[in-house]
Structures are given as C-alpha cells and as structure tokens.
PDB file of all heavy atoms in Angstrom:
ATOM      1  N   VAL A   1      38.588 -10.841 -34.458  1.00  0.00           N
ATOM      2  CA  VAL A   1      37.784 -11.399 -35.543  1.00  0.00           C
ATOM      3  C   VAL A   1      38.779 -11.846 -36.614  1.00  0.00           C
ATOM      4  O   VAL A   1      39.513 -11.028 -37.174  1.00  0.00           O
ATOM      5  CB  VAL A   1      36.792 -10.357 -36.117  1.00  0.00           C
ATOM      6  CG1 VAL A   1      35.925 -10.998 -37.191  1.00  0.00           C
ATOM      7  CG2 VAL A   1      35.929  -9.765 -35.012  1.00  0.00           C
ATOM      8  N   ILE A   2      38.803 -13.144 -36.851  1.00  0.00           N
ATOM      9  CA  ILE A   2      39.745 -13.727 -37.798  1.00  0.00           C
ATOM     10  C   ILE A   2      38.966 -14.214 -39.009  1.00  0.00           C
ATOM     11  O   ILE A   2      37.987 -14.957 -38.875  1.00  0.00           O
ATOM     12  CB  ILE A   2      40.535 -14.874 -37.137  1.00  0.00           C
ATOM     13  CG1 ILE A   2      41.272 -14.344 -35.898  1.00  0.00           C
ATOM     14  CG2 ILE A   2      41.510 -15.499 -38.136  1.00  0.00           C
ATOM     15  CD1 ILE A   2      41.880 -15.424 -35.017  1.00  0.00           C
ATOM     16  N   ARG A   3      39.396 -13.782 -40.193  1.00  0.00           N
ATOM     17  CA  ARG A   3      38.671 -14.119 -41.426  1.00  0.00           C
ATOM     18  C   ARG A   3      38.623 -15.635 -41.631  1.00  0.00           C
ATOM     19  O   ARG A   3      39.601 -16.338 -41.445  1.00  0.00           O
ATOM     20  CB  ARG A   3      39.319 -13.455 -42.632  1.00  0.00           C
ATOM     21  CG  ARG A   3      38.483 -13.647 -43.902  1.00  0.00           C
ATOM     22  CD  ARG A   3      39.085 -12.983 -45.105  1.00  0.00           C
ATOM     23  NE  ARG A   3      39.163 -11.533 -45.001  1.00  0.00           N
ATOM     24  CZ  ARG A   3      38.146 -10.704 -45.226  1.00  0.00           C
ATOM     25  NH1 ARG A   3      36.963 -11.164 -45.523  1.00  0.00           N
ATOM     26  NH2 ARG A   3      38.334  -9.398 -45.144  1.00  0.00           N
ATOM     27  N   GLY A   4      37.456 -16.081 -42.022  1.00  0.00           N
ATOM     28  CA  GLY A   4      37.272 -17.474 -42.409  1.00  0.00           C
ATOM     29  C   GLY A   4      36.919 -17.533 -43.884  1.00  0.00           C
ATOM     30  O   GLY A   4      37.214 -16.603 -44.636  1.00  0.00           O
ATOM     31  N   SER A   5      36.248 -18.585 -44.280  1.00  0.00           N
ATOM     32  CA  SER A   5      35.938 -18.761 -45.701  1.00  0.00           C
ATOM     33  C   SER A   5      34.548 -18.245 -46.067  1.00  0.00           C
ATOM     34  O   SER A   5      34.113 -18.415 -47.204  1.00  0.00           O
ATOM     35  CB  SER A   5      36.054 -20.248 -46.059  1.00  0.00           C
ATOM     36  OG  SER A   5      35.177 -20.998 -45.240  1.00  0.00           O
ATOM     37  N   THR A   6      33.864 -17.593 -45.136  1.00  0.00           N
ATOM     38  CA  THR A   6      32.533 -17.052 -45.419  1.00  0.00           C
ATOM     39  C   THR A   6      32.536 -15.545 -45.170  1.00  0.00           C
ATOM     40  O   THR A   6      33.453 -15.016 -44.535  1.00  0.00           O
ATOM     41  CB  THR A   6      31.469 -17.704 -44.501  1.00  0.00           C
ATOM     42  OG1 THR A   6      31.701 -17.263 -43.150  1.00  0.00           O
ATOM     43  CG2 THR A   6      31.525 -19.229 -44.571  1.00  0.00           C
ATOM     44  N   PRO A   7      31.498 -14.835 -45.600  1.00  0.00           N
ATOM     45  CA  PRO A   7      31.441 -13.387 -45.375  1.00  0.00           C
ATOM     46  C   PRO A   7      31.105 -12.999 -43.934  1.00  0.00           C
ATOM     47  O   PRO A   7      30.997 -11.817 -43.634  1.00  0.00           O
ATOM     48  CB  PRO A   7      30.358 -12.913 -46.343  1.00  0.00           C
ATOM     49  CG  PRO A   7      29.566 -14.106 -46.700  1.00  0.00           C
ATOM     50  CD  PRO A   7      30.443 -15.302 -46.491  1.00  0.00           C
ATOM     51  N   HIS A   8      30.956 -13.959 -43.041  1.00  0.00           N
ATOM     52  CA  HIS A   8      30.630 -13.690 -41.640  1.00  0.00           C
ATOM     53  C   HIS A   8      31.592 -12.665 -41.026  1.00  0.00           C
ATOM     54  O   HIS A   8      31.184 -11.783 -40.276  1.00  0.00           O
ATOM     55  CB  HIS A   8      30.653 -14.999 -40.849  1.00  0.00           C
ATOM     56  CG  HIS A   8      30.260 -14.865 -39.422  1.00  0.00           C
ATOM     57  ND1 HIS A   8      28.969 -14.582 -39.030  1.00  0.00           N
ATOM     58  CD2 HIS A   8      30.994 -14.961 -38.286  1.00  0.00           C
ATOM     59  CE1 HIS A   8      28.924 -14.518 -37.716  1.00  0.00           C
ATOM     60  NE2 HIS A   8      30.132 -14.741 -37.234  1.00  0.00           N
ATOM     61  N   PHE A   9      32.868 -12.783 -41.367  1.00  0.00           N
ATOM     62  CA  PHE A   9      33.903 -11.860 -40.883  1.00  0.00           C
ATOM     63  C   PHE A   9      33.498 -10.410 -41.128  1.00  0.00           C
ATOM     64  O   PHE A   9      33.603  -9.565 -40.240  1.00  0.00           O
ATOM     65  CB  PHE A   9      35.220 -12.177 -41.603  1.00  0.00           C
ATOM     66  CG  PHE A   9      36.320 -11.170 -41.394  1.00  0.00           C
ATOM     67  CD1 PHE A   9      37.248 -11.334 -40.377  1.00  0.00           C
ATOM     68  CD2 PHE A   9      36.449 -10.065 -42.228  1.00  0.00           C
ATOM     69  CE1 PHE A   9      38.278 -10.422 -40.193  1.00  0.00           C
ATOM     70  CE2 PHE A   9      37.467  -9.152 -42.052  1.00  0.00           C
ATOM     71  CZ  PHE A   9      38.377  -9.332 -41.032  1.00  0.00           C
ATOM     72  N   ASP A  10      33.071 -10.116 -42.345  1.00  0.00           N
ATOM     73  CA  ASP A  10      32.734  -8.730 -42.711  1.00  0.00           C
ATOM     74  C   ASP A  10      31.574  -8.198 -41.894  1.00  0.00           C
ATOM     75  O   ASP A  10      31.592  -7.035 -41.476  1.00  0.00           O
ATOM     76  CB  ASP A  10      32.406  -8.655 -44.206  1.00  0.00           C
ATOM     77  CG  ASP A  10      33.598  -9.057 -45.058  1.00  0.00           C
ATOM     78  OD1 ASP A  10      34.714  -8.571 -44.789  1.00  0.00           O
ATOM     79  OD2 ASP A  10      33.406  -9.872 -45.992  1.00  0.00           O
ATOM     80  N   TYR A  11      30.567  -9.030 -41.660  1.00  0.00           N
ATOM     81  CA  TYR A  11      29.414  -8.590 -40.881  1.00  0.00           C
ATOM     82  C   TYR A  11      29.786  -8.337 -39.421  1.00  0.00           C
ATOM     83  O   TYR A  11      29.378  -7.336 -38.836  1.00  0.00           O
ATOM     84  CB  TYR A  11      28.283  -9.619 -40.949  1.00  0.00           C
ATOM     85  CG  TYR A  11      27.745  -9.801 -42.348  1.00  0.00           C
ATOM     86  CD1 TYR A  11      27.879 -11.013 -43.004  1.00  0.00           C
ATOM     87  CD2 TYR A  11      27.112  -8.756 -43.015  1.00  0.00           C
ATOM     88  CE1 TYR A  11      27.404 -11.179 -44.288  1.00  0.00           C
ATOM     89  CE2 TYR A  11      26.630  -8.911 -44.294  1.00  0.00           C
ATOM     90  CZ  TYR A  11      26.775 -10.128 -44.935  1.00  0.00           C
ATOM     91  OH  TYR A  11      26.305 -10.281 -46.205  1.00  0.00           O
ATOM     92  N   VAL A  12      30.562  -9.229 -38.850  1.00  0.00           N
ATOM     93  CA  VAL A  12      30.943  -9.082 -37.450  1.00  0.00           C
ATOM     94  C   VAL A  12      31.875  -7.884 -37.268  1.00  0.00           C
ATOM     95  O   VAL A  12      31.653  -7.039 -36.400  1.00  0.00           O
ATOM     96  CB  VAL A  12      31.599 -10.375 -36.912  1.00  0.00           C
ATOM     97  CG1 VAL A  12      32.162 -10.160 -35.509  1.00  0.00           C
ATOM     98  CG2 VAL A  12      30.583 -11.508 -36.894  1.00  0.00           C
ATOM     99  N   ALA A  13      32.902  -7.786 -38.098  1.00  0.00           N
ATOM    100  CA  ALA A  13      33.861  -6.688 -37.969  1.00  0.00           C
ATOM    101  C   ALA A  13      33.194  -5.338 -38.206  1.00  0.00           C
ATOM    102  O   ALA A  13      33.358  -4.404 -37.417  1.00  0.00           O
ATOM    103  CB  ALA A  13      35.030  -6.890 -38.937  1.00  0.00           C
ATOM    104  N   GLY A  14      32.422  -5.231 -39.266  1.00  0.00           N
ATOM    105  CA  GLY A  14      31.747  -3.969 -39.578  1.00  0.00           C
ATOM    106  C   GLY A  14      30.687  -3.598 -38.562  1.00  0.00           C
ATOM    107  O   GLY A  14      30.599  -2.448 -38.129  1.00  0.00           O
ATOM    108  N   GLY A  15      29.881  -4.582 -38.172  1.00  0.00           N
ATOM    109  CA  GLY A  15      28.828  -4.325 -37.198  1.00  0.00           C
ATOM    110  C   GLY A  15      29.375  -3.886 -35.851  1.00  0.00           C
ATOM    111  O   GLY A  15      28.855  -2.960 -35.223  1.00  0.00           O
ATOM    112  N   SER A  16      30.447  -4.516 -35.430  1.00  0.00           N
ATOM    113  CA  SER A  16      31.065  -4.156 -34.146  1.00  0.00           C
ATOM    114  C   SER A  16      31.629  -2.746 -34.201  1.00  0.00           C
ATOM    115  O   SER A  16      31.405  -1.938 -33.288  1.00  0.00           O
ATOM    116  CB  SER A  16      32.185  -5.136 -33.802  1.00  0.00           C
ATOM    117  OG  SER A  16      31.674  -6.431 -33.630  1.00  0.00           O
ATOM    118  N   ALA A  17      32.358  -2.440 -35.253  1.00  0.00           N
ATOM    119  CA  ALA A  17      32.968  -1.113 -35.373  1.00  0.00           C
ATOM    120  C   ALA A  17      31.898  -0.024 -35.428  1.00  0.00           C
ATOM    121  O   ALA A  17      32.004   0.996 -34.731  1.00  0.00           O
ATOM    122  CB  ALA A  17      33.860  -1.059 -36.611  1.00  0.00           C
ATOM    123  N   ASN A  18      30.886  -0.235 -36.231  1.00  0.00           N
ATOM    124  CA  ASN A  18      29.810   0.765 -36.334  1.00  0.00           C
ATOM    125  C   ASN A  18      29.082   0.938 -35.010  1.00  0.00           C
ATOM    126  O   ASN A  18      28.773   2.058 -34.596  1.00  0.00           O
ATOM    127  CB  ASN A  18      28.821   0.378 -37.433  1.00  0.00           C
ATOM    128  CG  ASN A  18      29.433   0.503 -38.814  1.00  0.00           C
ATOM    129  OD1 ASN A  18      30.362   1.254 -39.037  1.00  0.00           O
ATOM    130  ND2 ASN A  18      28.899  -0.277 -39.752  1.00  0.00           N
ATOM    131  N   GLY A  19      28.806  -0.164 -34.346  1.00  0.00           N
ATOM    132  CA  GLY A  19      28.106  -0.101 -33.064  1.00  0.00           C
ATOM    133  C   GLY A  19      28.897   0.634 -32.003  1.00  0.00           C
ATOM    134  O   GLY A  19      28.357   1.459 -31.267  1.00  0.00           O
ATOM    135  N   LEU A  20      30.196   0.360 -31.929  1.00  0.00           N
ATOM    136  CA  LEU A  20      31.042   1.029 -30.935  1.00  0.00           C
ATOM    137  C   LEU A  20      31.132   2.530 -31.209  1.00  0.00           C
ATOM    138  O   LEU A  20      31.073   3.344 -30.282  1.00  0.00           O
ATOM    139  CB  LEU A  20      32.435   0.402 -30.910  1.00  0.00           C
ATOM    140  CG  LEU A  20      32.497  -1.033 -30.403  1.00  0.00           C
ATOM    141  CD1 LEU A  20      33.889  -1.612 -30.619  1.00  0.00           C
ATOM    142  CD2 LEU A  20      32.078  -1.135 -28.948  1.00  0.00           C
ATOM    143  N   GLY A  21      31.241   2.883 -32.478  1.00  0.00           N
ATOM    144  CA  GLY A  21      31.275   4.305 -32.829  1.00  0.00           C
ATOM    145  C   GLY A  21      29.994   5.012 -32.444  1.00  0.00           C
ATOM    146  O   GLY A  21      30.021   6.150 -31.947  1.00  0.00           O
ATOM    147  N   SER A  22      28.874   4.348 -32.643  1.00  0.00           N
ATOM    148  CA  SER A  22      27.583   4.935 -32.269  1.00  0.00           C
ATOM    149  C   SER A  22      27.482   5.150 -30.764  1.00  0.00           C
ATOM    150  O   SER A  22      26.976   6.174 -30.314  1.00  0.00           O
ATOM    151  CB  SER A  22      26.429   4.033 -32.733  1.00  0.00           C
ATOM    152  OG  SER A  22      26.358   4.022 -34.136  1.00  0.00           O
ATOM    153  N   VAL A  23      27.952   4.185 -29.994  1.00  0.00           N
ATOM    154  CA  VAL A  23      27.906   4.318 -28.533  1.00  0.00           C
ATOM    155  C   VAL A  23      28.715   5.535 -28.092  1.00  0.00           C
ATOM    156  O   VAL A  23      28.256   6.328 -27.263  1.00  0.00           O
ATOM    157  CB  VAL A  23      28.419   3.044 -27.831  1.00  0.00           C
ATOM    158  CG1 VAL A  23      28.549   3.256 -26.329  1.00  0.00           C
ATOM    159  CG2 VAL A  23      27.486   1.866 -28.122  1.00  0.00           C
ATOM    160  N   ALA A  24      29.892   5.706 -28.655  1.00  0.00           N
ATOM    161  CA  ALA A  24      30.741   6.845 -28.277  1.00  0.00           C
ATOM    162  C   ALA A  24      30.020   8.162 -28.532  1.00  0.00           C
ATOM    163  O   ALA A  24      30.004   9.045 -27.670  1.00  0.00           O
ATOM    164  CB  ALA A  24      32.055   6.801 -29.053  1.00  0.00           C
ATOM    165  N   LEU A  25      29.416   8.289 -29.684  1.00  0.00           N
ATOM    166  CA  LEU A  25      28.741   9.546 -30.028  1.00  0.00           C
ATOM    167  C   LEU A  25      27.433   9.723 -29.260  1.00  0.00           C
ATOM    168  O   LEU A  25      27.123  10.828 -28.811  1.00  0.00           O
ATOM    169  CB  LEU A  25      28.491   9.603 -31.534  1.00  0.00           C
ATOM    170  CG  LEU A  25      29.761   9.659 -32.384  1.00  0.00           C
ATOM    171  CD1 LEU A  25      29.411   9.592 -33.864  1.00  0.00           C
ATOM    172  CD2 LEU A  25      30.587  10.896 -32.075  1.00  0.00           C
ATOM    173  N   ASP A  26      26.691   8.641 -29.089  1.00  0.00           N
ATOM    174  CA  ASP A  26      25.411   8.738 -28.379  1.00  0.00           C
ATOM    175  C   ASP A  26      25.572   9.068 -26.906  1.00  0.00           C
ATOM    176  O   ASP A  26      24.744   9.754 -26.320  1.00  0.00           O
ATOM    177  CB  ASP A  26      24.617   7.434 -28.508  1.00  0.00           C
ATOM    178  CG  ASP A  26      24.100   7.186 -29.922  1.00  0.00           C
ATOM    179  OD1 ASP A  26      24.131   8.125 -30.754  1.00  0.00           O
ATOM    180  OD2 ASP A  26      23.664   6.044 -30.186  1.00  0.00           O
ATOM    181  N   TYR A  27      26.653   8.576 -26.299  1.00  0.00           N
ATOM    182  CA  TYR A  27      26.841   8.745 -24.854  1.00  0.00           C
ATOM    183  C   TYR A  27      27.960   9.725 -24.499  1.00  0.00           C
ATOM    184  O   TYR A  27      28.242   9.925 -23.317  1.00  0.00           O
ATOM    185  CB  TYR A  27      27.090   7.387 -24.187  1.00  0.00           C
ATOM    186  CG  TYR A  27      25.830   6.574 -24.129  1.00  0.00           C
ATOM    187  CD1 TYR A  27      25.459   5.750 -25.186  1.00  0.00           C
ATOM    188  CD2 TYR A  27      24.983   6.657 -23.032  1.00  0.00           C
ATOM    189  CE1 TYR A  27      24.277   5.023 -25.146  1.00  0.00           C
ATOM    190  CE2 TYR A  27      23.806   5.928 -22.977  1.00  0.00           C
ATOM    191  CZ  TYR A  27      23.466   5.118 -24.041  1.00  0.00           C
ATOM    192  OH  TYR A  27      22.299   4.401 -24.000  1.00  0.00           O
ATOM    193  N   ASP A  28      28.597  10.309 -25.488  1.00  0.00           N
ATOM    194  CA  ASP A  28      29.635  11.304 -25.254  1.00  0.00           C
ATOM    195  C   ASP A  28      30.733  10.766 -24.325  1.00  0.00           C
ATOM    196  O   ASP A  28      31.109  11.384 -23.327  1.00  0.00           O
ATOM    197  CB  ASP A  28      29.020  12.587 -24.665  1.00  0.00           C
ATOM    198  CG  ASP A  28      29.978  13.761 -24.712  1.00  0.00           C
ATOM    199  OD1 ASP A  28      30.796  13.825 -25.642  1.00  0.00           O
ATOM    200  OD2 ASP A  28      29.922  14.608 -23.796  1.00  0.00           O
ATOM    201  N   ILE A  29      31.235   9.589 -24.677  1.00  0.00           N
ATOM    202  CA  ILE A  29      32.277   8.926 -23.890  1.00  0.00           C
ATOM    203  C   ILE A  29      33.234   8.247 -24.868  1.00  0.00           C
ATOM    204  O   ILE A  29      32.797   7.715 -25.893  1.00  0.00           O
ATOM    205  CB  ILE A  29      31.665   7.895 -22.907  1.00  0.00           C
ATOM    206  CG1 ILE A  29      32.731   7.263 -22.013  1.00  0.00           C
ATOM    207  CG2 ILE A  29      30.875   6.833 -23.638  1.00  0.00           C
ATOM    208  CD1 ILE A  29      32.163   6.371 -20.917  1.00  0.00           C
ATOM    209  N   PRO A  30      34.538   8.273 -24.578  1.00  0.00           N
ATOM    210  CA  PRO A  30      35.455   7.550 -25.453  1.00  0.00           C
ATOM    211  C   PRO A  30      35.167   6.044 -25.418  1.00  0.00           C
ATOM    212  O   PRO A  30      35.125   5.440 -24.344  1.00  0.00           O
ATOM    213  CB  PRO A  30      36.834   7.844 -24.858  1.00  0.00           C
ATOM    214  CG  PRO A  30      36.659   9.046 -24.007  1.00  0.00           C
ATOM    215  CD  PRO A  30      35.242   8.997 -23.514  1.00  0.00           C
ATOM    216  N   VAL A  31      34.929   5.484 -26.583  1.00  0.00           N
ATOM    217  CA  VAL A  31      34.773   4.037 -26.736  1.00  0.00           C
ATOM    218  C   VAL A  31      35.851   3.626 -27.728  1.00  0.00           C
ATOM    219  O   VAL A  31      35.772   3.948 -28.915  1.00  0.00           O
ATOM    220  CB  VAL A  31      33.374   3.648 -27.243  1.00  0.00           C
ATOM    221  CG1 VAL A  31      33.279   2.138 -27.419  1.00  0.00           C
ATOM    222  CG2 VAL A  31      32.291   4.151 -26.287  1.00  0.00           C
ATOM    223  N   ILE A  32      36.857   2.943 -27.228  1.00  0.00           N
ATOM    224  CA  ILE A  32      38.027   2.630 -28.024  1.00  0.00           C
ATOM    225  C   ILE A  32      37.867   1.247 -28.654  1.00  0.00           C
ATOM    226  O   ILE A  32      37.647   0.259 -27.962  1.00  0.00           O
ATOM    227  CB  ILE A  32      39.311   2.662 -27.156  1.00  0.00           C
ATOM    228  CG1 ILE A  32      39.377   3.934 -26.301  1.00  0.00           C
ATOM    229  CG2 ILE A  32      40.539   2.483 -28.040  1.00  0.00           C
ATOM    230  CD1 ILE A  32      39.174   5.239 -27.029  1.00  0.00           C
ATOM    231  N   ASN A  33      37.983   1.223 -29.975  1.00  0.00           N
ATOM    232  CA  ASN A  33      37.843  -0.027 -30.712  1.00  0.00           C
ATOM    233  C   ASN A  33      39.188  -0.736 -30.741  1.00  0.00           C
ATOM    234  O   ASN A  33      40.048  -0.429 -31.561  1.00  0.00           O
ATOM    235  CB  ASN A  33      37.337   0.240 -32.132  1.00  0.00           C
ATOM    236  CG  ASN A  33      37.066  -1.033 -32.899  1.00  0.00           C
ATOM    237  OD1 ASN A  33      37.448  -2.119 -32.477  1.00  0.00           O
ATOM    238  ND2 ASN A  33      36.415  -0.900 -34.030  1.00  0.00           N
ATOM    239  N   GLY A  34      39.354  -1.691 -29.841  1.00  0.00           N
ATOM    240  CA  GLY A  34      40.558  -2.503 -29.786  1.00  0.00           C
ATOM    241  C   GLY A  34      40.311  -3.904 -30.316  1.00  0.00           C
ATOM    242  O   GLY A  34      40.978  -4.850 -29.916  1.00  0.00           O
TER     243      GLY A  34
END
C-alpha cells in the first residue's frame, strides 16, 4: 500500500491490518502481516 494524495491509504492499510489481526485471534492461527 503506497500513500497517494487521498486518505484512501489510511483506510486500506488500517483495515487490512485490523482484519488480519482478527483472523489470527478468531481462528487461533498465525496470520503474518507482510
């Protein structure tokens, strides 16, 4: 995710990170945010 001139970057980066963290905890499996 490469920052552009709009706030889209923040929504995509934050949403992806939060979603991946939730999957790891919900399914008890390592989900690595790369």
